[in-house]
PDB file of N, CA and C in Angstrom:
ATOM      1  N   UNK A   1      31.285  17.035  15.762  1.00  0.00           N
ATOM      2  CA  UNK A   1      30.787  16.790  14.417  1.00  0.00           C
ATOM      3  C   UNK A   1      30.406  15.318  14.236  1.00  0.00           C
ATOM      4  N   UNK A   2      31.269  14.436  14.730  1.00  0.00           N
ATOM      5  CA  UNK A   2      31.017  13.009  14.618  1.00  0.00           C
ATOM      6  C   UNK A   2      29.736  12.635  15.367  1.00  0.00           C
ATOM      7  N   UNK A   3      29.536  13.260  16.504  1.00  0.00           N
ATOM      8  CA  UNK A   3      28.348  13.003  17.315  1.00  0.00           C
ATOM      9  C   UNK A   3      27.073  13.437  16.572  1.00  0.00           C
ATOM     10  N   UNK A   4      27.131  14.565  15.903  1.00  0.00           N
ATOM     11  CA  UNK A   4      25.987  15.057  15.136  1.00  0.00           C
ATOM     12  C   UNK A   4      25.677  14.103  13.989  1.00  0.00           C
ATOM     13  N   UNK A   5      26.693  13.621  13.318  1.00  0.00           N
ATOM     14  CA  UNK A   5      26.512  12.683  12.214  1.00  0.00           C
ATOM     15  C   UNK A   5      25.866  11.382  12.701  1.00  0.00           C
ATOM     16  N   UNK A   6      26.306  10.890  13.838  1.00  0.00           N
ATOM     17  CA  UNK A   6      25.731   9.665  14.408  1.00  0.00           C
ATOM     18  C   UNK A   6      24.262   9.882  14.774  1.00  0.00           C
ATOM     19  N   UNK A   7      23.954  11.025  15.391  1.00  0.00           N
ATOM     20  CA  UNK A   7      22.568  11.323  15.779  1.00  0.00           C
ATOM     21  C   UNK A   7      21.687  11.442  14.522  1.00  0.00           C
ATOM     22  N   UNK A   8      22.203  12.115  13.500  1.00  0.00           N
ATOM     23  CA  UNK A   8      21.451  12.263  12.249  1.00  0.00           C
ATOM     24  C   UNK A   8      21.199  10.894  11.614  1.00  0.00           C
ATOM     25  N   UNK A   9      22.199  10.040  11.619  1.00  0.00           N
ATOM     26  CA  UNK A   9      22.055   8.692  11.057  1.00  0.00           C
ATOM     27  C   UNK A   9      21.003   7.894  11.815  1.00  0.00           C
ATOM     28  N   UNK A  10      21.012   7.982  13.124  1.00  0.00           N
ATOM     29  CA  UNK A  10      20.021   7.271  13.930  1.00  0.00           C
ATOM     30  C   UNK A  10      18.605   7.782  13.658  1.00  0.00           C
ATOM     31  N   UNK A  11      18.476   9.092  13.559  1.00  0.00           N
ATOM     32  CA  UNK A  11      17.162   9.673  13.283  1.00  0.00           C
ATOM     33  C   UNK A  11      16.654   9.240  11.910  1.00  0.00           C
ATOM     34  N   UNK A  12      17.548   9.205  10.934  1.00  0.00           N
ATOM     35  CA  UNK A  12      17.173   8.779   9.591  1.00  0.00           C
ATOM     36  C   UNK A  12      16.730   7.322   9.592  1.00  0.00           C
ATOM     37  N   UNK A  13      17.472   6.464  10.278  1.00  0.00           N
ATOM     38  CA  UNK A  13      17.106   5.052  10.353  1.00  0.00           C
ATOM     39  C   UNK A  13      15.751   4.862  11.020  1.00  0.00           C
ATOM     40  N   UNK A  14      15.504   5.600  12.085  1.00  0.00           N
ATOM     41  CA  UNK A  14      14.213   5.505  12.768  1.00  0.00           C
ATOM     42  C   UNK A  14      13.073   5.967  11.866  1.00  0.00           C
ATOM     43  N   UNK A  15      13.300   7.034  11.121  1.00  0.00           N
ATOM     44  CA  UNK A  15      12.264   7.542  10.216  1.00  0.00           C
ATOM     45  C   UNK A  15      11.960   6.532   9.108  1.00  0.00           C
ATOM     46  N   UNK A  16      12.985   5.945   8.531  1.00  0.00           N
ATOM     47  CA  UNK A  16      12.794   4.945   7.468  1.00  0.00           C
ATOM     48  C   UNK A  16      12.054   3.738   8.019  1.00  0.00           C
ATOM     49  N   UNK A  17      12.440   3.286   9.193  1.00  0.00           N
ATOM     50  CA  UNK A  17      11.788   2.139   9.809  1.00  0.00           C
ATOM     51  C   UNK A  17      10.321   2.431  10.093  1.00  0.00           C
ATOM     52  N   UNK A  18      10.032   3.607  10.625  1.00  0.00           N
ATOM     53  CA  UNK A  18       8.644   3.981  10.916  1.00  0.00           C
ATOM     54  C   UNK A  18       7.819   4.053   9.634  1.00  0.00           C
ATOM     55  N   UNK A  19       8.390   4.627   8.578  1.00  0.00           N
ATOM     56  CA  UNK A  19       7.666   4.722   7.304  1.00  0.00           C
ATOM     57  C   UNK A  19       7.381   3.337   6.737  1.00  0.00           C
ATOM     58  N   UNK A  20       8.367   2.452   6.811  1.00  0.00           N
ATOM     59  CA  UNK A  20       8.184   1.099   6.285  1.00  0.00           C
ATOM     60  C   UNK A  20       7.063   0.385   7.033  1.00  0.00           C
ATOM     61  N   UNK A  21       7.051   0.495   8.354  1.00  0.00           N
ATOM     62  CA  UNK A  21       6.001  -0.156   9.136  1.00  0.00           C
ATOM     63  C   UNK A  21       4.646   0.449   8.830  1.00  0.00           C
ATOM     64  N   UNK A  22       4.589   1.763   8.674  1.00  0.00           N
ATOM     65  CA  UNK A  22       3.330   2.436   8.361  1.00  0.00           C
ATOM     66  C   UNK A  22       2.816   1.987   7.007  1.00  0.00           C
ATOM     67  N   UNK A  23       3.683   1.902   6.012  1.00  0.00           N
ATOM     68  CA  UNK A  23       3.265   1.479   4.673  1.00  0.00           C
ATOM     69  C   UNK A  23       2.721   0.061   4.692  1.00  0.00           C
ATOM     70  N   UNK A  24       3.403  -0.811   5.390  1.00  0.00           N
ATOM     71  CA  UNK A  24       2.964  -2.197   5.450  1.00  0.00           C
ATOM     72  C   UNK A  24       1.660  -2.303   6.230  1.00  0.00           C
ATOM     73  N   UNK A  25       1.535  -1.533   7.331  1.00  0.00           N
ATOM     74  CA  UNK A  25       0.288  -1.547   8.094  1.00  0.00           C
ATOM     75  C   UNK A  25      -0.869  -1.029   7.254  1.00  0.00           C
ATOM     76  N   UNK A  26      -0.644   0.024   6.467  1.00  0.00           N
ATOM     77  CA  UNK A  26      -1.701   0.549   5.603  1.00  0.00           C
ATOM     78  C   UNK A  26      -2.111  -0.498   4.585  1.00  0.00           C
ATOM     79  N   UNK A  27      -1.139  -1.201   4.039  1.00  0.00           N
ATOM     80  CA  UNK A  27      -1.453  -2.241   3.069  1.00  0.00           C
ATOM     81  C   UNK A  27      -2.250  -3.359   3.734  1.00  0.00           C
ATOM     82  N   UNK A  28      -1.869  -3.750   4.947  1.00  0.00           N
ATOM     83  CA  UNK A  28      -2.617  -4.773   5.677  1.00  0.00           C
ATOM     84  C   UNK A  28      -4.031  -4.300   5.968  1.00  0.00           C
ATOM     85  N   UNK A  29      -4.171  -3.036   6.371  1.00  0.00           N
ATOM     86  CA  UNK A  29      -5.497  -2.485   6.658  1.00  0.00           C
ATOM     87  C   UNK A  29      -6.362  -2.474   5.401  1.00  0.00           C
ATOM     88  N   UNK A  30      -5.775  -2.115   4.281  1.00  0.00           N
ATOM     89  CA  UNK A  30      -6.511  -2.109   3.013  1.00  0.00           C
ATOM     90  C   UNK A  30      -6.969  -3.518   2.678  1.00  0.00           C
ATOM     91  N   UNK A  31      -6.069  -4.466   2.812  1.00  0.00           N
ATOM     92  CA  UNK A  31      -6.388  -5.854   2.498  1.00  0.00           C
ATOM     93  C   UNK A  31      -7.531  -6.342   3.384  1.00  0.00           C
ATOM     94  N   UNK A  32      -7.460  -6.050   4.679  1.00  0.00           N
ATOM     95  CA  UNK A  32      -8.497  -6.480   5.601  1.00  0.00           C
ATOM     96  C   UNK A  32      -9.823  -5.814   5.291  1.00  0.00           C
ATOM     97  N   UNK A  33      -9.782  -4.504   5.049  1.00  0.00           N
ATOM     98  CA  UNK A  33     -11.024  -3.766   4.785  1.00  0.00           C
ATOM     99  C   UNK A  33     -11.695  -4.245   3.509  1.00  0.00           C
ATOM    100  N   UNK A  34     -10.908  -4.453   2.461  1.00  0.00           N
ATOM    101  CA  UNK A  34     -11.490  -4.894   1.190  1.00  0.00           C
ATOM    102  C   UNK A  34     -12.034  -6.307   1.308  1.00  0.00           C
ATOM    103  N   UNK A  35     -11.283  -7.189   1.907  1.00  0.00           N
ATOM    104  CA  UNK A  35     -11.713  -8.588   1.948  1.00  0.00           C
ATOM    105  C   UNK A  35     -12.853  -8.815   2.925  1.00  0.00           C
ATOM    106  N   UNK A  36     -12.996  -7.959   3.943  1.00  0.00           N
ATOM    107  CA  UNK A  36     -14.050  -8.184   4.921  1.00  0.00           C
ATOM    108  C   UNK A  36     -15.257  -7.276   4.728  1.00  0.00           C
ATOM    109  N   UNK A  37     -15.225  -6.436   3.718  1.00  0.00           N
ATOM    110  CA  UNK A  37     -16.307  -5.481   3.514  1.00  0.00           C
ATOM    111  C   UNK A  37     -17.599  -6.194   3.132  1.00  0.00           C
ATOM    112  N   UNK A  38     -18.657  -5.898   3.881  1.00  0.00           N
ATOM    113  CA  UNK A  38     -19.963  -6.487   3.598  1.00  0.00           C
ATOM    114  C   UNK A  38     -20.768  -5.608   2.640  1.00  0.00           C
ATOM    115  N   UNK A  39     -20.403  -4.350   2.510  1.00  0.00           N
ATOM    116  CA  UNK A  39     -21.175  -3.399   1.722  1.00  0.00           C
ATOM    117  C   UNK A  39     -20.958  -3.536   0.223  1.00  0.00           C
ATOM    118  N   UNK A  40     -19.938  -4.227  -0.192  1.00  0.00           N
ATOM    119  CA  UNK A  40     -19.579  -4.228  -1.604  1.00  0.00           C
ATOM    120  C   UNK A  40     -20.150  -5.403  -2.388  1.00  0.00           C
ATOM    121  N   UNK A  41     -20.583  -6.443  -1.719  1.00  0.00           N
ATOM    122  CA  UNK A  41     -21.208  -7.592  -2.381  1.00  0.00           C
ATOM    123  C   UNK A  41     -20.406  -8.067  -3.591  1.00  0.00           C
ATOM    124  N   UNK A  42     -19.169  -8.451  -3.375  1.00  0.00           N
ATOM    125  CA  UNK A  42     -18.317  -8.928  -4.443  1.00  0.00           C
ATOM    126  C   UNK A  42     -18.812 -10.254  -4.992  1.00  0.00           C
ATOM    127  N   UNK A  43     -18.717 -10.422  -6.298  1.00  0.00           N
ATOM    128  CA  UNK A  43     -18.974 -11.726  -6.900  1.00  0.00           C
ATOM    129  C   UNK A  43     -17.756 -12.611  -6.623  1.00  0.00           C
ATOM    130  N   UNK A  44     -17.904 -13.891  -6.846  1.00  0.00           N
ATOM    131  CA  UNK A  44     -16.771 -14.801  -6.631  1.00  0.00           C
ATOM    132  C   UNK A  44     -15.603 -14.456  -7.557  1.00  0.00           C
ATOM    133  N   UNK A  45     -15.919 -14.097  -8.797  1.00  0.00           N
ATOM    134  CA  UNK A  45     -14.881 -13.709  -9.760  1.00  0.00           C
ATOM    135  C   UNK A  45     -14.142 -12.457  -9.269  1.00  0.00           C
ATOM    136  N   UNK A  46     -14.901 -11.480  -8.772  1.00  0.00           N
ATOM    137  CA  UNK A  46     -14.282 -10.259  -8.254  1.00  0.00           C
ATOM    138  C   UNK A  46     -13.381 -10.573  -7.059  1.00  0.00           C
ATOM    139  N   UNK A  47     -13.839 -11.456  -6.173  1.00  0.00           N
ATOM    140  CA  UNK A  47     -13.035 -11.824  -5.001  1.00  0.00           C
ATOM    141  C   UNK A  47     -11.692 -12.409  -5.419  1.00  0.00           C
ATOM    142  N   UNK A  48     -11.712 -13.272  -6.426  1.00  0.00           N
ATOM    143  CA  UNK A  48     -10.473 -13.876  -6.902  1.00  0.00           C
ATOM    144  C   UNK A  48      -9.549 -12.823  -7.518  1.00  0.00           C
ATOM    145  N   UNK A  49     -10.117 -11.927  -8.307  1.00  0.00           N
ATOM    146  CA  UNK A  49      -9.305 -10.883  -8.940  1.00  0.00           C
ATOM    147  C   UNK A  49      -8.756  -9.901  -7.905  1.00  0.00           C
ATOM    148  N   UNK A  50      -9.556  -9.578  -6.898  1.00  0.00           N
ATOM    149  CA  UNK A  50      -9.101  -8.675  -5.832  1.00  0.00           C
ATOM    150  C   UNK A  50      -7.956  -9.318  -5.062  1.00  0.00           C
ATOM    151  N   UNK A  51      -8.079 -10.593  -4.785  1.00  0.00           N
ATOM    152  CA  UNK A  51      -7.005 -11.307  -4.079  1.00  0.00           C
ATOM    153  C   UNK A  51      -5.710 -11.221  -4.875  1.00  0.00           C
ATOM    154  N   UNK A  52      -5.799 -11.400  -6.182  1.00  0.00           N
ATOM    155  CA  UNK A  52      -4.617 -11.307  -7.039  1.00  0.00           C
ATOM    156  C   UNK A  52      -4.017  -9.898  -6.985  1.00  0.00           C
ATOM    157  N   UNK A  53      -4.867  -8.882  -7.056  1.00  0.00           N
ATOM    158  CA  UNK A  53      -4.395  -7.490  -6.988  1.00  0.00           C
ATOM    159  C   UNK A  53      -3.735  -7.225  -5.639  1.00  0.00           C
ATOM    160  N   UNK A  54      -4.341  -7.710  -4.562  1.00  0.00           N
ATOM    161  CA  UNK A  54      -3.762  -7.527  -3.229  1.00  0.00           C
ATOM    162  C   UNK A  54      -2.390  -8.192  -3.131  1.00  0.00           C
ATOM    163  N   UNK A  55      -2.293  -9.406  -3.623  1.00  0.00           N
ATOM    164  CA  UNK A  55      -1.021 -10.126  -3.574  1.00  0.00           C
ATOM    165  C   UNK A  55       0.052  -9.397  -4.386  1.00  0.00           C
ATOM    166  N   UNK A  56      -0.329  -8.900  -5.554  1.00  0.00           N
ATOM    167  CA  UNK A  56       0.628  -8.151  -6.379  1.00  0.00           C
ATOM    168  C   UNK A  56       1.064  -6.870  -5.681  1.00  0.00           C
ATOM    169  N   UNK A  57       0.114  -6.181  -5.043  1.00  0.00           N
ATOM    170  CA  UNK A  57       0.437  -4.951  -4.325  1.00  0.00           C
ATOM    171  C   UNK A  57       1.397  -5.234  -3.167  1.00  0.00           C
ATOM    172  N   UNK A  58       1.124  -6.269  -2.397  1.00  0.00           N
ATOM    173  CA  UNK A  58       1.989  -6.594  -1.260  1.00  0.00           C
ATOM    174  C   UNK A  58       3.395  -6.973  -1.735  1.00  0.00           C
ATOM    175  N   UNK A  59       3.487  -7.689  -2.841  1.00  0.00           N
ATOM    176  CA  UNK A  59       4.797  -8.034  -3.393  1.00  0.00           C
ATOM    177  C   UNK A  59       5.540  -6.771  -3.826  1.00  0.00           C
ATOM    178  N   UNK A  60       4.816  -5.835  -4.418  1.00  0.00           N
ATOM    179  CA  UNK A  60       5.418  -4.566  -4.848  1.00  0.00           C
ATOM    180  C   UNK A  60       5.905  -3.759  -3.650  1.00  0.00           C
ATOM    181  N   UNK A  61       5.108  -3.721  -2.574  1.00  0.00           N
ATOM    182  CA  UNK A  61       5.511  -3.007  -1.353  1.00  0.00           C
ATOM    183  C   UNK A  61       6.793  -3.612  -0.789  1.00  0.00           C
ATOM    184  N   UNK A  62       6.843  -4.924  -0.736  1.00  0.00           N
ATOM    185  CA  UNK A  62       8.039  -5.593  -0.207  1.00  0.00           C
ATOM    186  C   UNK A  62       9.253  -5.304  -1.088  1.00  0.00           C
ATOM    187  N   UNK A  63       9.046  -5.314  -2.391  1.00  0.00           N
ATOM    188  CA  UNK A  63      10.129  -5.016  -3.334  1.00  0.00           C
ATOM    189  C   UNK A  63      10.651  -3.592  -3.121  1.00  0.00           C
ATOM    190  N   UNK A  64       9.717  -2.652  -2.953  1.00  0.00           N
ATOM    191  CA  UNK A  64      10.107  -1.254  -2.723  1.00  0.00           C
ATOM    192  C   UNK A  64      10.914  -1.124  -1.438  1.00  0.00           C
ATOM    193  N   UNK A  65      10.450  -1.779  -0.393  1.00  0.00           N
ATOM    194  CA  UNK A  65      11.143  -1.689   0.898  1.00  0.00           C
ATOM    195  C   UNK A  65      12.555  -2.279   0.840  1.00  0.00           C
ATOM    196  N   UNK A  66      12.761  -3.235  -0.032  1.00  0.00           N
ATOM    197  CA  UNK A  66      14.080  -3.867  -0.152  1.00  0.00           C
ATOM    198  C   UNK A  66      15.025  -3.109  -1.084  1.00  0.00           C
ATOM    199  N   UNK A  67      14.509  -2.100  -1.776  1.00  0.00           N
ATOM    200  CA  UNK A  67      15.332  -1.345  -2.724  1.00  0.00           C
ATOM    201  C   UNK A  67      16.270  -0.403  -1.984  1.00  0.00           C
ATOM    202  N   UNK A  68      17.433  -0.205  -2.552  1.00  0.00           N
ATOM    203  CA  UNK A  68      18.421   0.704  -1.983  1.00  0.00           C
ATOM    204  C   UNK A  68      18.301   2.060  -2.682  1.00  0.00           C
ATOM    205  N   UNK A  69      17.208   2.768  -2.358  1.00  0.00           N
ATOM    206  CA  UNK A  69      16.949   4.078  -2.954  1.00  0.00           C
ATOM    207  C   UNK A  69      16.603   5.062  -1.836  1.00  0.00           C
ATOM    208  N   UNK A  70      16.555   6.324  -2.182  1.00  0.00           N
ATOM    209  CA  UNK A  70      16.258   7.345  -1.181  1.00  0.00           C
ATOM    210  C   UNK A  70      14.833   7.191  -0.653  1.00  0.00           C
ATOM    211  N   UNK A  71      14.609   7.759   0.523  1.00  0.00           N
ATOM    212  CA  UNK A  71      13.282   7.700   1.126  1.00  0.00           C
ATOM    213  C   UNK A  71      12.242   8.383   0.233  1.00  0.00           C
ATOM    214  N   UNK A  72      12.624   9.468  -0.366  1.00  0.00           N
ATOM    215  CA  UNK A  72      11.711  10.190  -1.262  1.00  0.00           C
ATOM    216  C   UNK A  72      11.326   9.309  -2.457  1.00  0.00           C
ATOM    217  N   UNK A  73      12.293   8.583  -2.999  1.00  0.00           N
ATOM    218  CA  UNK A  73      12.007   7.677  -4.119  1.00  0.00           C
ATOM    219  C   UNK A  73      11.108   6.525  -3.670  1.00  0.00           C
ATOM    220  N   UNK A  74      11.316   6.035  -2.438  1.00  0.00           N
ATOM    221  CA  UNK A  74      10.450   4.973  -1.919  1.00  0.00           C
ATOM    222  C   UNK A  74       9.017   5.475  -1.769  1.00  0.00           C
ATOM    223  N   UNK A  75       8.870   6.687  -1.253  1.00  0.00           N
ATOM    224  CA  UNK A  75       7.530   7.248  -1.092  1.00  0.00           C
ATOM    225  C   UNK A  75       6.832   7.375  -2.441  1.00  0.00           C
ATOM    226  N   UNK A  76       7.556   7.822  -3.435  1.00  0.00           N
ATOM    227  CA  UNK A  76       6.975   7.955  -4.777  1.00  0.00           C
ATOM    228  C   UNK A  76       6.615   6.578  -5.343  1.00  0.00           C
ATOM    229  N   UNK A  77       7.473   5.595  -5.115  1.00  0.00           N
ATOM    230  CA  UNK A  77       7.190   4.241  -5.599  1.00  0.00           C
ATOM    231  C   UNK A  77       5.951   3.674  -4.915  1.00  0.00           C
ATOM    232  N   UNK A  78       5.782   3.958  -3.616  1.00  0.00           N
ATOM    233  CA  UNK A  78       4.585   3.519  -2.898  1.00  0.00           C
ATOM    234  C   UNK A  78       3.333   4.158  -3.495  1.00  0.00           C
ATOM    235  N   UNK A  79       3.400   5.447  -3.772  1.00  0.00           N
ATOM    236  CA  UNK A  79       2.261   6.140  -4.366  1.00  0.00           C
ATOM    237  C   UNK A  79       1.900   5.516  -5.710  1.00  0.00           C
ATOM    238  N   UNK A  80       2.903   5.223  -6.516  1.00  0.00           N
ATOM    239  CA  UNK A  80       2.657   4.627  -7.831  1.00  0.00           C
ATOM    240  C   UNK A  80       2.042   3.234  -7.698  1.00  0.00           C
ATOM    241  N   UNK A  81       2.504   2.459  -6.720  1.00  0.00           N
ATOM    242  CA  UNK A  81       1.949   1.118  -6.502  1.00  0.00           C
ATOM    243  C   UNK A  81       0.479   1.205  -6.090  1.00  0.00           C
ATOM    244  N   UNK A  82       0.148   2.188  -5.258  1.00  0.00           N
ATOM    245  CA  UNK A  82      -1.238   2.377  -4.835  1.00  0.00           C
ATOM    246  C   UNK A  82      -2.104   2.758  -6.027  1.00  0.00           C
ATOM    247  N   UNK A  83      -1.620   3.705  -6.827  1.00  0.00           N
ATOM    248  CA  UNK A  83      -2.384   4.136  -7.998  1.00  0.00           C
ATOM    249  C   UNK A  83      -2.595   2.991  -8.980  1.00  0.00           C
ATOM    250  N   UNK A  84      -1.568   2.197  -9.176  1.00  0.00           N
ATOM    251  CA  UNK A  84      -1.681   1.055 -10.094  1.00  0.00           C
ATOM    252  C   UNK A  84      -2.723   0.057  -9.572  1.00  0.00           C
ATOM    253  N   UNK A  85      -2.714  -0.185  -8.267  1.00  0.00           N
ATOM    254  CA  UNK A  85      -3.690  -1.108  -7.684  1.00  0.00           C
ATOM    255  C   UNK A  85      -5.103  -0.556  -7.800  1.00  0.00           C
ATOM    256  N   UNK A  86      -5.261   0.731  -7.568  1.00  0.00           N
ATOM    257  CA  UNK A  86      -6.589   1.344  -7.709  1.00  0.00           C
ATOM    258  C   UNK A  86      -7.083   1.268  -9.140  1.00  0.00           C
ATOM    259  N   UNK A  87      -6.183   1.480 -10.088  1.00  0.00           N
ATOM    260  CA  UNK A  87      -6.570   1.371 -11.500  1.00  0.00           C
ATOM    261  C   UNK A  87      -7.033  -0.047 -11.826  1.00  0.00           C
ATOM    262  N   UNK A  88      -6.308  -1.014 -11.312  1.00  0.00           N
ATOM    263  CA  UNK A  88      -6.691  -2.412 -11.546  1.00  0.00           C
ATOM    264  C   UNK A  88      -8.047  -2.720 -10.924  1.00  0.00           C
ATOM    265  N   UNK A  89      -8.254  -2.213  -9.688  1.00  0.00           N
ATOM    266  CA  UNK A  89      -9.534  -2.437  -9.028  1.00  0.00           C
ATOM    267  C   UNK A  89     -10.679  -1.803  -9.819  1.00  0.00           C
ATOM    268  N   UNK A  90     -10.439  -0.610 -10.334  1.00  0.00           N
ATOM    269  CA  UNK A  90     -11.504   0.083 -11.064  1.00  0.00           C
ATOM    270  C   UNK A  90     -11.911  -0.666 -12.320  1.00  0.00           C
ATOM    271  N   UNK A  91     -11.050  -1.540 -12.808  1.00  0.00           N
ATOM    272  CA  UNK A  91     -11.365  -2.319 -14.000  1.00  0.00           C
ATOM    273  C   UNK A  91     -12.271  -3.511 -13.700  1.00  0.00           C
ATOM    274  N   UNK A  92     -12.305  -3.944 -12.435  1.00  0.00           N
ATOM    275  CA  UNK A  92     -13.107  -5.131 -12.106  1.00  0.00           C
ATOM    276  C   UNK A  92     -14.318  -4.824 -11.230  1.00  0.00           C
ATOM    277  N   UNK A  93     -14.335  -3.651 -10.602  1.00  0.00           N
ATOM    278  CA  UNK A  93     -15.449  -3.295  -9.735  1.00  0.00           C
ATOM    279  C   UNK A  93     -16.466  -2.453 -10.492  1.00  0.00           C
ATOM    280  N   UNK A  94     -17.694  -2.511 -10.024  1.00  0.00           N
ATOM    281  CA  UNK A  94     -18.716  -1.639 -10.592  1.00  0.00           C
ATOM    282  C   UNK A  94     -18.444  -0.208 -10.115  1.00  0.00           C
ATOM    283  N   UNK A  95     -18.989   0.779 -10.800  1.00  0.00           N
ATOM    284  CA  UNK A  95     -18.798   2.164 -10.340  1.00  0.00           C
ATOM    285  C   UNK A  95     -19.292   2.373  -8.900  1.00  0.00           C
ATOM    286  N   UNK A  96     -20.381   1.713  -8.534  1.00  0.00           N
ATOM    287  CA  UNK A  96     -20.903   1.840  -7.171  1.00  0.00           C
ATOM    288  C   UNK A  96     -19.934   1.241  -6.144  1.00  0.00           C
ATOM    289  N   UNK A  97     -19.392   0.072  -6.457  1.00  0.00           N
ATOM    290  CA  UNK A  97     -18.435  -0.561  -5.555  1.00  0.00           C
ATOM    291  C   UNK A  97     -17.181   0.302  -5.420  1.00  0.00           C
ATOM    292  N   UNK A  98     -16.730   0.851  -6.526  1.00  0.00           N
ATOM    293  CA  UNK A  98     -15.534   1.693  -6.501  1.00  0.00           C
ATOM    294  C   UNK A  98     -15.772   2.931  -5.655  1.00  0.00           C
ATOM    295  N   UNK A  99     -16.958   3.504  -5.767  1.00  0.00           N
ATOM    296  CA  UNK A  99     -17.296   4.695  -4.991  1.00  0.00           C
ATOM    297  C   UNK A  99     -17.263   4.391  -3.498  1.00  0.00           C
ATOM    298  N   UNK A 100     -17.858   3.264  -3.089  1.00  0.00           N
ATOM    299  CA  UNK A 100     -17.839   2.875  -1.681  1.00  0.00           C
ATOM    300  C   UNK A 100     -16.403   2.650  -1.218  1.00  0.00           C
ATOM    301  N   UNK A 101     -15.633   1.994  -2.048  1.00  0.00           N
ATOM    302  CA  UNK A 101     -14.240   1.711  -1.707  1.00  0.00           C
ATOM    303  C   UNK A 101     -13.438   3.010  -1.537  1.00  0.00           C
ATOM    304  N   UNK A 102     -13.587   3.940  -2.438  1.00  0.00           N
ATOM    305  CA  UNK A 102     -12.856   5.208  -2.355  1.00  0.00           C
ATOM    306  C   UNK A 102     -13.340   6.067  -1.182  1.00  0.00           C
ATOM    307  N   UNK A 103     -14.617   5.989  -0.875  1.00  0.00           N
ATOM    308  CA  UNK A 103     -15.149   6.740   0.261  1.00  0.00           C
ATOM    309  C   UNK A 103     -14.678   6.198   1.592  1.00  0.00           C
ATOM    310  N   UNK A 104     -14.195   4.958   1.589  1.00  0.00           N
ATOM    311  CA  UNK A 104     -13.687   4.369   2.829  1.00  0.00           C
ATOM    312  C   UNK A 104     -12.197   4.671   3.012  1.00  0.00           C
ATOM    313  N   UNK A 105     -11.652   5.589   2.163  1.00  0.00           N
ATOM    314  CA  UNK A 105     -10.257   6.063   2.268  1.00  0.00           C
ATOM    315  C   UNK A 105      -9.234   4.958   2.068  1.00  0.00           C
ATOM    316  N   UNK A 106      -9.508   4.037   1.185  1.00  0.00           N
ATOM    317  CA  UNK A 106      -8.529   2.973   0.917  1.00  0.00           C
ATOM    318  C   UNK A 106      -7.669   3.356  -0.244  1.00  0.00           C
TER     319      UNK A 106
END
């Protein structure tokens, strides 16, 4: 029984670690794709606002990862952070820019 508990604990830790790395990698990929996109023709004002949104999102991701909550709650918090960032982006981007951004699966 003790052996099963240890194996389960190890598997859980590995799953949490993998999810955390995946979430952070996705956030990094989003940041890179948005900031390097040539198709969106961001104005200087938009670039500054996007940078602020990205920084806020990354801070939120780090905060979520440091929370002592269940994995399911972390996943939900990540989803909410993504939705909040998308809502913020939709307020500063043109409909055409938003469409390109959403079509790129960000």
